[in-house]
């Protein structure tokens, strides 16, 4: 596995009017999603794609940031196994830790409402 996939620099996605988002963990194991003007009805993870695909047991990190309006919602698609509800106040931050089981990402909250 390439070391830059798990480095300290995350891949950041700033959302404006999107209602769905596909996060490609084959690009970077640390992803940041800055929520914008819309609720996200489906957050999907790309986990298999060429030489940098996730292997069973690998860990991913997902940081979700509410905007200054807050109250944005996010629904996880079926390849995330989680019961996490993201924080909803203005500028809230959720840090989620996931483990890939070979098919799905088992996702739990590491920290919520940091700000």
Protein backbone atom coordinates (compact mmCIF):
# COMPACT_ATOMS: atom_id res chain seq x y z
CA UNK A 1 0.00 0.00 0.00
CA UNK A 2 1.20 3.52 -0.75
CA UNK A 3 2.10 5.43 2.42
CA UNK A 4 0.64 8.69 1.07
CA UNK A 5 -2.82 7.12 1.25
CA UNK A 6 -2.72 7.20 5.05
CA UNK A 7 -0.62 10.32 5.52
CA UNK A 8 -1.54 13.29 7.64
CA UNK A 9 -2.95 15.31 4.74
CA UNK A 10 -6.61 14.41 4.14
CA UNK A 11 -8.54 14.63 0.91
CA UNK A 12 -11.04 17.45 1.48
CA UNK A 13 -14.43 17.67 -0.25
CA UNK A 14 -16.37 20.93 0.07
CA UNK A 15 -20.03 20.48 -0.76
CA UNK A 16 -22.31 23.15 -2.14
CA UNK A 17 -25.42 21.87 -3.90
CA UNK A 18 -24.67 18.15 -4.11
CA UNK A 19 -27.14 15.70 -2.56
CA UNK A 20 -25.04 12.57 -3.07
CA UNK A 21 -21.33 12.01 -2.56
CA UNK A 22 -18.96 9.20 -3.37
CA UNK A 23 -15.84 9.09 -1.21
CA UNK A 24 -12.93 7.28 -2.81
CA UNK A 25 -10.90 5.70 -0.03
CA UNK A 26 -8.58 4.31 -2.72
CA UNK A 27 -7.32 7.90 -3.17
CA UNK A 28 -6.76 8.62 0.51
CA UNK A 29 -7.66 6.76 3.69
CA UNK A 30 -8.29 10.10 5.50
CA UNK A 31 -11.24 12.03 4.07
CA UNK A 32 -12.85 15.32 5.16
CA UNK A 33 -16.37 16.31 4.10
CA UNK A 34 -17.37 19.92 4.64
CA UNK A 35 -21.16 20.01 4.48
CA UNK A 36 -22.75 22.83 2.49
CA UNK A 37 -26.13 24.02 1.33
CA UNK A 38 -27.80 20.62 0.95
CA UNK A 39 -28.44 17.49 2.96
CA UNK A 40 -26.56 14.42 1.74
CA UNK A 41 -29.04 11.67 0.95
CA UNK A 42 -26.41 9.06 0.07
CA UNK A 43 -22.77 8.91 1.13
CA UNK A 44 -21.09 5.99 -0.63
CA UNK A 45 -17.55 4.69 -0.18
CA UNK A 46 -15.36 3.47 -3.04
CA UNK A 47 -13.26 0.70 -1.54
CA UNK A 48 -11.98 -1.39 -4.45
CA UNK A 49 -10.29 0.13 -7.44
CA UNK A 50 -6.91 -1.03 -8.68
CA UNK A 51 -3.66 -1.28 -6.79
CA UNK A 52 -4.66 1.06 -3.95
CA UNK A 53 -7.88 -0.74 -3.06
CA UNK A 54 -8.68 -1.30 0.60
CA UNK A 55 -7.68 -4.61 2.12
CA UNK A 56 -9.68 -6.31 4.86
CA UNK A 57 -8.63 -4.92 8.23
CA UNK A 58 -7.49 -1.53 6.93
CA UNK A 59 -8.58 1.56 8.85
CA UNK A 60 -10.11 4.71 7.36
CA UNK A 61 -10.80 8.07 8.97
CA UNK A 62 -13.72 10.33 8.05
CA UNK A 63 -14.12 13.87 9.37
CA UNK A 64 -17.52 15.52 8.82
CA UNK A 65 -17.86 19.27 9.39
CA UNK A 66 -21.15 21.18 9.60
CA UNK A 67 -21.21 24.60 7.98
CA UNK A 68 -22.11 27.87 9.74
CA UNK A 69 -25.80 27.13 9.19
CA UNK A 70 -25.72 23.63 10.68
CA UNK A 71 -28.58 21.14 10.70
CA UNK A 72 -27.25 19.40 7.56
CA UNK A 73 -28.02 15.70 7.50
CA UNK A 74 -26.05 12.86 6.03
CA UNK A 75 -27.33 9.37 5.21
CA UNK A 76 -24.79 6.57 4.87
CA UNK A 77 -25.22 4.16 1.96
CA UNK A 78 -25.30 0.41 2.42
CA UNK A 79 -21.53 -0.15 2.21
CA UNK A 80 -21.16 1.72 5.51
CA UNK A 81 -22.32 -0.34 8.49
CA UNK A 82 -23.01 2.21 11.20
CA UNK A 83 -25.57 3.58 13.59
CA UNK A 84 -23.84 6.97 13.86
CA UNK A 85 -25.96 10.10 13.62
CA UNK A 86 -23.80 13.10 12.82
CA UNK A 87 -23.86 16.20 15.00
CA UNK A 88 -26.10 18.98 13.75
CA UNK A 89 -25.17 22.27 15.42
CA UNK A 90 -23.33 25.01 13.56
CA UNK A 91 -19.68 24.21 12.88
CA UNK A 92 -19.91 20.81 14.65
CA UNK A 93 -17.22 18.27 13.83
CA UNK A 94 -17.55 14.50 13.85
CA UNK A 95 -14.52 12.23 13.56
CA UNK A 96 -15.48 8.73 12.47
CA UNK A 97 -13.19 5.71 12.41
CA UNK A 98 -13.88 2.81 10.10
CA UNK A 99 -12.50 -0.67 9.54
CA UNK A 100 -12.92 -2.36 6.17
CA UNK A 101 -14.16 -5.95 6.57
CA UNK A 102 -13.53 -6.95 2.96
CA UNK A 103 -16.97 -5.79 1.78
CA UNK A 104 -18.21 -2.94 3.98
CA UNK A 105 -16.77 -0.24 6.21
CA UNK A 106 -17.72 -0.71 9.87
CA UNK A 107 -17.95 2.90 11.04
CA UNK A 108 -18.09 4.27 14.57
CA UNK A 109 -17.77 7.69 16.19
CA UNK A 110 -14.34 8.50 17.55
CA UNK A 111 -15.31 12.04 18.57
CA UNK A 112 -18.37 14.23 18.06
CA UNK A 113 -19.18 17.93 18.54
CA UNK A 114 -15.63 19.14 18.82
CA UNK A 115 -16.33 22.82 18.32
